Amino acid sequence: MKKWLRFRHAGATGFGTLTASGISVHEGEMFGRHAATGKMLALSEVELLAPCVPSKIVALWNNFHALATKLNQPEPPEPLYLLKATTSITAPGAVIRRPSYYDGKTTYEGELGIVIGKTCARVSPGEADSFIFGYTCVNDITANDILTRDPTFPQWARAKGIDDYGPFGPVIATGLDPAKLTVRTILNGAERQNYPISDMIFTAQDLVSRISHDMTLLPGDLIAVGTSVGVGVMKEPVNTVTVAIDGIGELTNEFRL
């Protein structure tokens, strides 16, 4: 298993793998030819960035049995998803602020993210793993009152596409079986979500396959697989949110009202 990340150091953007000694710097392309340069950097020397630059973010709705049951919603026969703006991306550790024009509820949603490693179109579930580069932590932040404001049109893209409302990272972990992972979300020191990925209605491989029949997935594209029970509102003036997935790591951001 490797953990890939992106960083800024001495004014330049780079990438590499996280090791016990720090960051092993690589050259080339994360999703193409690359090689270790032999240079090591300490985490304290760099500014961590989102671990890749997606051309699109696909975000799932109602993809967990437990949440469908809690919401009394039927389980969908096919994945239900939206596209989240890439301008919503922000880095691990970044401070996220609620827009000045909005004073409504904002929720955290701890999720697993699938990162695509090579161009993927119309693949089968059995082929999907060869197109998945790895997995990451996602906080799919949502402005709930915007989402439901107009009864004639749920504003999914706007509610989830606000600048900085899409942090993910801090790394992309390879060589994992997603069905064995558990997502935990901690808000201001209290665990609010703890659910198994194995409870997904559509597996990671199913999602990649089905979405790739709708649209071509490109290297670096991110699929947020949806969340489960425990989503909640961030109510304090300053809120610290951590999405933790053993085997990947912890994504922590501060959200300010």
Protein backbone atom coordinates (compact mmCIF):
# COMPACT_ATOMS: atom_id res chain seq x y z
CA MET A 1 0.00 0.00 0.00
CA LYS A 2 1.19 3.52 -0.83
CA LYS A 3 -0.14 6.89 0.23
CA TRP A 4 0.17 9.60 -2.41
CA LEU A 5 -0.08 13.31 -1.73
CA ARG A 6 0.49 16.71 -3.30
CA PHE A 7 2.25 19.61 -1.64
CA ARG A 8 3.67 23.10 -2.10
CA HIS A 9 7.31 23.61 -1.15
CA ALA A 10 9.52 26.60 -1.84
CA GLY A 11 6.88 28.06 -4.12
CA ALA A 12 6.58 24.96 -6.29
CA THR A 13 3.93 22.22 -6.39
CA GLY A 14 5.10 18.62 -6.10
CA PHE A 15 3.89 15.13 -5.30
CA GLY A 16 5.18 11.99 -3.66
CA THR A 17 4.48 9.21 -1.21
CA LEU A 18 4.13 9.41 2.55
CA THR A 19 6.67 7.29 4.42
CA ALA A 20 7.67 6.85 8.04
CA SER A 21 10.50 9.33 7.40
CA GLY A 22 8.44 11.97 5.64
CA ILE A 23 7.60 12.59 1.99
CA SER A 24 9.46 10.71 -0.73
CA VAL A 25 9.42 13.23 -3.58
CA HIS A 26 8.58 11.93 -7.05
CA GLU A 27 8.92 13.38 -10.53
CA GLY A 28 6.76 12.79 -13.58
CA GLU A 29 2.99 12.38 -13.30
CA MET A 30 1.10 10.78 -10.44
CA PHE A 31 -1.27 9.05 -12.88
CA GLY A 32 1.39 8.35 -15.48
CA ARG A 33 5.11 7.67 -15.51
CA HIS A 34 6.79 8.69 -12.28
CA ALA A 35 9.87 7.87 -10.24
CA ALA A 36 11.26 8.74 -6.83
CA THR A 37 13.92 11.45 -6.98
CA GLY A 38 15.65 10.33 -3.78
CA LYS A 39 14.78 13.63 -2.08
CA MET A 40 12.91 13.53 1.23
CA LEU A 41 10.87 16.33 2.80
CA ALA A 42 9.43 16.56 6.30
CA LEU A 43 5.69 17.17 6.55
CA SER A 44 6.50 20.29 8.57
CA GLU A 45 8.36 21.69 5.56
CA VAL A 46 5.43 21.63 3.14
CA GLU A 47 1.91 22.93 2.67
CA LEU A 48 -0.41 20.01 1.91
CA LEU A 49 -2.74 20.39 -1.08
CA ALA A 50 -5.72 18.36 -2.20
CA PRO A 51 -4.03 15.13 -3.35
CA CYS A 52 -5.19 15.43 -6.98
CA VAL A 53 -6.91 17.87 -9.34
CA PRO A 54 -10.13 16.25 -10.63
CA SER A 55 -11.77 17.31 -13.87
CA LYS A 56 -15.06 16.49 -12.12
CA ILE A 57 -16.40 15.38 -8.76
CA VAL A 58 -19.26 12.88 -8.83
CA ALA A 59 -21.20 12.77 -5.54
CA LEU A 60 -23.69 10.01 -4.66
CA TRP A 61 -27.04 10.33 -2.89
CA ASN A 62 -28.87 7.51 -1.04
CA ASN A 63 -26.16 4.86 -1.46
CA PHE A 64 -26.28 3.22 1.98
CA HIS A 65 -28.87 0.72 3.20
CA ALA A 66 -28.90 2.17 6.75
CA LEU A 67 -29.52 5.74 5.62
CA ALA A 68 -32.24 4.72 3.17
CA THR A 69 -33.98 2.91 6.03
CA LYS A 70 -33.65 5.87 8.41
CA LEU A 71 -35.00 8.32 5.81
CA ASN A 72 -37.75 5.88 4.79
CA GLN A 73 -36.52 6.18 1.21
CA PRO A 74 -36.66 3.34 -1.32
CA GLU A 75 -33.29 1.94 -2.32
CA PRO A 76 -32.57 3.22 -5.83
CA PRO A 77 -32.34 0.78 -8.77
CA GLU A 78 -29.40 2.76 -10.15
CA PRO A 79 -26.91 5.24 -8.65
CA LEU A 80 -28.30 8.71 -7.92
CA TYR A 81 -25.62 11.36 -8.27
CA LEU A 82 -24.76 14.98 -8.93
CA LEU A 83 -21.67 16.83 -10.10
CA LYS A 84 -19.93 18.99 -7.51
CA ALA A 85 -17.98 22.03 -8.71
CA THR A 86 -14.21 21.57 -8.79
CA THR A 87 -13.90 25.12 -7.41
CA SER A 88 -15.32 23.70 -4.16
CA ILE A 89 -12.02 21.86 -3.59
CA THR A 90 -9.87 23.01 -0.71
CA ALA A 91 -6.86 21.56 1.04
CA PRO A 92 -6.61 19.42 4.16
CA GLY A 93 -6.28 21.74 7.13
CA ALA A 94 -7.86 24.70 5.34
CA VAL A 95 -10.26 27.01 7.14
CA ILE A 96 -13.69 27.02 5.45
CA ARG A 97 -16.04 29.93 5.92
CA ARG A 98 -19.77 30.08 5.41
CA PRO A 99 -20.58 32.61 2.66
CA SER A 100 -21.50 36.07 3.96
CA TYR A 101 -24.84 35.98 2.10
CA TYR A 102 -25.95 32.71 3.72
CA ASP A 103 -27.03 32.28 7.35
CA GLY A 104 -28.72 28.86 7.10
CA LYS A 105 -27.74 25.37 8.20
CA THR A 106 -24.55 23.74 6.91
CA THR A 107 -23.85 20.04 7.39
CA TYR A 108 -20.78 17.82 7.30
CA GLU A 109 -20.91 14.52 5.38
CA GLY A 110 -18.00 12.15 5.95
CA GLU A 111 -17.44 9.93 2.93
CA LEU A 112 -15.06 7.63 1.13
CA GLY A 113 -13.72 8.96 -2.16
CA ILE A 114 -12.69 6.88 -5.19
CA VAL A 115 -9.89 8.37 -7.30
CA ILE A 116 -9.69 7.28 -10.94
CA GLY A 117 -6.24 6.41 -12.27
CA LYS A 118 -6.74 6.17 -16.03
CA THR A 119 -9.29 7.08 -18.66
CA CYS A 120 -12.36 4.98 -18.02
CA ALA A 121 -15.37 4.57 -20.33
CA ARG A 122 -18.01 1.85 -20.42
CA VAL A 123 -16.13 -0.62 -18.22
CA SER A 124 -17.64 -3.61 -16.44
CA PRO A 125 -17.64 -3.99 -12.65
CA GLY A 126 -15.04 -6.73 -13.07
CA GLU A 127 -12.75 -4.33 -14.92
CA ALA A 128 -13.27 -1.38 -12.57
CA ASP A 129 -10.44 -2.10 -10.11
CA SER A 130 -7.85 -1.68 -12.86
CA PHE A 131 -9.12 1.89 -13.40
CA ILE A 132 -9.22 2.85 -9.71
CA PHE A 133 -6.01 4.50 -8.54
CA GLY A 134 -6.92 4.59 -4.86
CA TYR A 135 -9.14 5.96 -2.12
CA THR A 136 -9.32 9.12 -0.03
CA CYS A 137 -11.36 10.90 2.67
CA VAL A 138 -14.05 13.39 1.65
CA ASN A 139 -16.17 15.92 3.54
CA ASP A 140 -19.10 16.69 1.23
CA ILE A 141 -20.19 19.91 2.93
CA THR A 142 -23.74 21.02 2.14
CA ALA A 143 -25.69 24.27 2.55
CA ASN A 144 -28.96 22.55 3.44
CA ASP A 145 -31.27 25.54 3.37
CA ILE A 146 -30.16 26.37 -0.17
CA LEU A 147 -30.80 22.79 -1.22
CA THR A 148 -34.45 22.88 -0.17
CA ARG A 149 -35.22 26.59 -0.58
CA ASP A 150 -37.18 26.29 -3.84
CA PRO A 151 -39.84 23.55 -3.69
CA THR A 152 -39.85 23.24 -7.48
CA PHE A 153 -36.13 22.48 -7.87
CA PRO A 154 -33.71 20.95 -5.34
CA GLN A 155 -30.46 22.93 -5.75
CA TRP A 156 -27.95 20.09 -5.32
CA ALA A 157 -25.19 21.68 -7.40
CA ARG A 158 -25.39 25.05 -5.70
CA ALA A 159 -25.79 23.69 -2.15
CA LYS A 160 -22.74 21.46 -2.50
CA GLY A 161 -20.69 23.55 -4.95
CA ILE A 162 -19.92 26.59 -2.79
CA ASP A 163 -16.25 27.58 -2.79
CA ASP A 164 -14.23 25.43 -0.34
CA TYR A 165 -17.18 23.10 0.41
CA GLY A 166 -15.32 20.11 -1.06
CA PRO A 167 -12.23 19.26 1.01
CA PHE A 168 -10.65 15.85 0.44
CA GLY A 169 -7.39 14.10 1.29
CA PRO A 170 -4.93 14.25 2.87
CA VAL A 171 -3.68 11.32 0.78
CA ILE A 172 -4.80 8.83 -1.84
CA ALA A 173 -4.18 5.34 -0.52
CA THR A 174 -3.63 2.49 -2.97
CA GLY A 175 -3.94 -1.26 -2.49
CA LEU A 176 -7.03 -1.16 -0.25
CA ASP A 177 -10.20 -3.21 -0.29
CA PRO A 178 -12.87 -0.51 0.17
CA ALA A 179 -15.44 -3.02 1.44
CA LYS A 180 -13.30 -3.46 4.58
CA LEU A 181 -13.15 0.25 5.43
CA THR A 182 -15.06 2.21 8.07
CA VAL A 183 -15.79 5.94 7.92
CA ARG A 184 -15.83 7.98 11.10
CA THR A 185 -16.65 11.68 11.39
CA ILE A 186 -15.66 13.64 14.49
CA LEU A 187 -17.22 17.07 15.13
CA ASN A 188 -15.60 19.21 17.83
CA GLY A 189 -14.18 16.11 19.51
CA ALA A 190 -17.37 14.03 19.46
CA GLU A 191 -17.80 11.09 17.09
CA ARG A 192 -20.93 11.66 14.99
CA GLN A 193 -20.57 9.06 12.23
CA ASN A 194 -19.22 5.52 12.31
CA TYR A 195 -20.37 3.31 9.45
CA PRO A 196 -19.00 0.50 7.25
CA ILE A 197 -18.45 0.94 3.53
CA SER A 198 -19.71 -2.64 3.14
CA ASP A 199 -23.23 -1.23 3.72
CA MET A 200 -23.19 0.55 0.34
CA ILE A 201 -26.05 -0.22 -2.02
CA PHE A 202 -23.69 0.07 -5.01
CA THR A 203 -20.10 -1.06 -4.45
CA ALA A 204 -17.10 0.99 -5.54
CA GLN A 205 -16.73 -1.22 -8.59
CA ASP A 206 -20.43 -0.91 -9.46
CA LEU A 207 -20.22 2.88 -9.20
CA VAL A 208 -17.20 3.18 -11.46
CA SER A 209 -18.79 0.86 -14.00
CA ARG A 210 -22.21 2.50 -14.07
CA ILE A 211 -20.93 6.08 -14.05
CA SER A 212 -18.42 5.27 -16.80
CA HIS A 213 -21.33 4.26 -19.03
CA ASP A 214 -22.77 7.79 -18.60
CA MET A 215 -19.59 9.83 -18.83
CA THR A 216 -15.90 9.19 -19.42
CA LEU A 217 -13.95 9.30 -16.17
CA LEU A 218 -10.48 10.85 -16.42
CA PRO A 219 -7.32 10.36 -14.33
CA GLY A 220 -7.75 12.20 -11.05
CA ASP A 221 -11.55 12.29 -11.17
CA LEU A 222 -13.17 11.86 -7.76
CA ILE A 223 -16.27 9.86 -6.89
CA ALA A 224 -17.67 10.59 -3.41
CA VAL A 225 -19.58 7.39 -2.67
CA GLY A 226 -22.25 8.98 -0.46
CA THR A 227 -22.68 9.12 3.28
CA SER A 228 -24.66 7.18 5.88
CA VAL A 229 -26.37 7.94 9.18
CA GLY A 230 -25.04 10.62 11.51
CA VAL A 231 -24.95 13.67 9.25
CA GLY A 232 -25.38 16.81 11.31
CA VAL A 233 -25.32 20.60 11.39
CA MET A 234 -22.18 22.56 12.31
CA LYS A 235 -23.52 25.01 14.91
CA GLU A 236 -20.56 26.51 16.73
CA PRO A 237 -18.82 29.72 15.60
CA VAL A 238 -15.73 27.55 14.99
CA ASN A 239 -16.18 23.84 14.16
CA THR A 240 -13.40 21.28 13.77
CA VAL A 241 -14.41 18.36 11.57
CA THR A 242 -12.33 15.23 11.01
CA VAL A 243 -13.19 12.48 8.54
CA ALA A 244 -11.14 9.43 9.53
CA ILE A 245 -10.76 6.19 7.58
CA ASP A 246 -8.30 3.61 8.93
CA GLY A 247 -5.80 2.73 6.24
CA ILE A 248 -6.15 6.14 4.60
CA GLY A 249 -5.82 8.74 7.33
CA GLU A 250 -7.60 11.77 8.73
CA LEU A 251 -8.95 14.78 6.86
CA THR A 252 -9.36 17.71 9.24
CA ASN A 253 -10.75 21.13 8.42
CA GLU A 254 -12.14 24.05 10.40
CA PHE A 255 -15.55 25.42 9.44
CA ARG A 256 -16.48 28.90 10.63
CA LEU A 257 -19.92 30.47 10.69
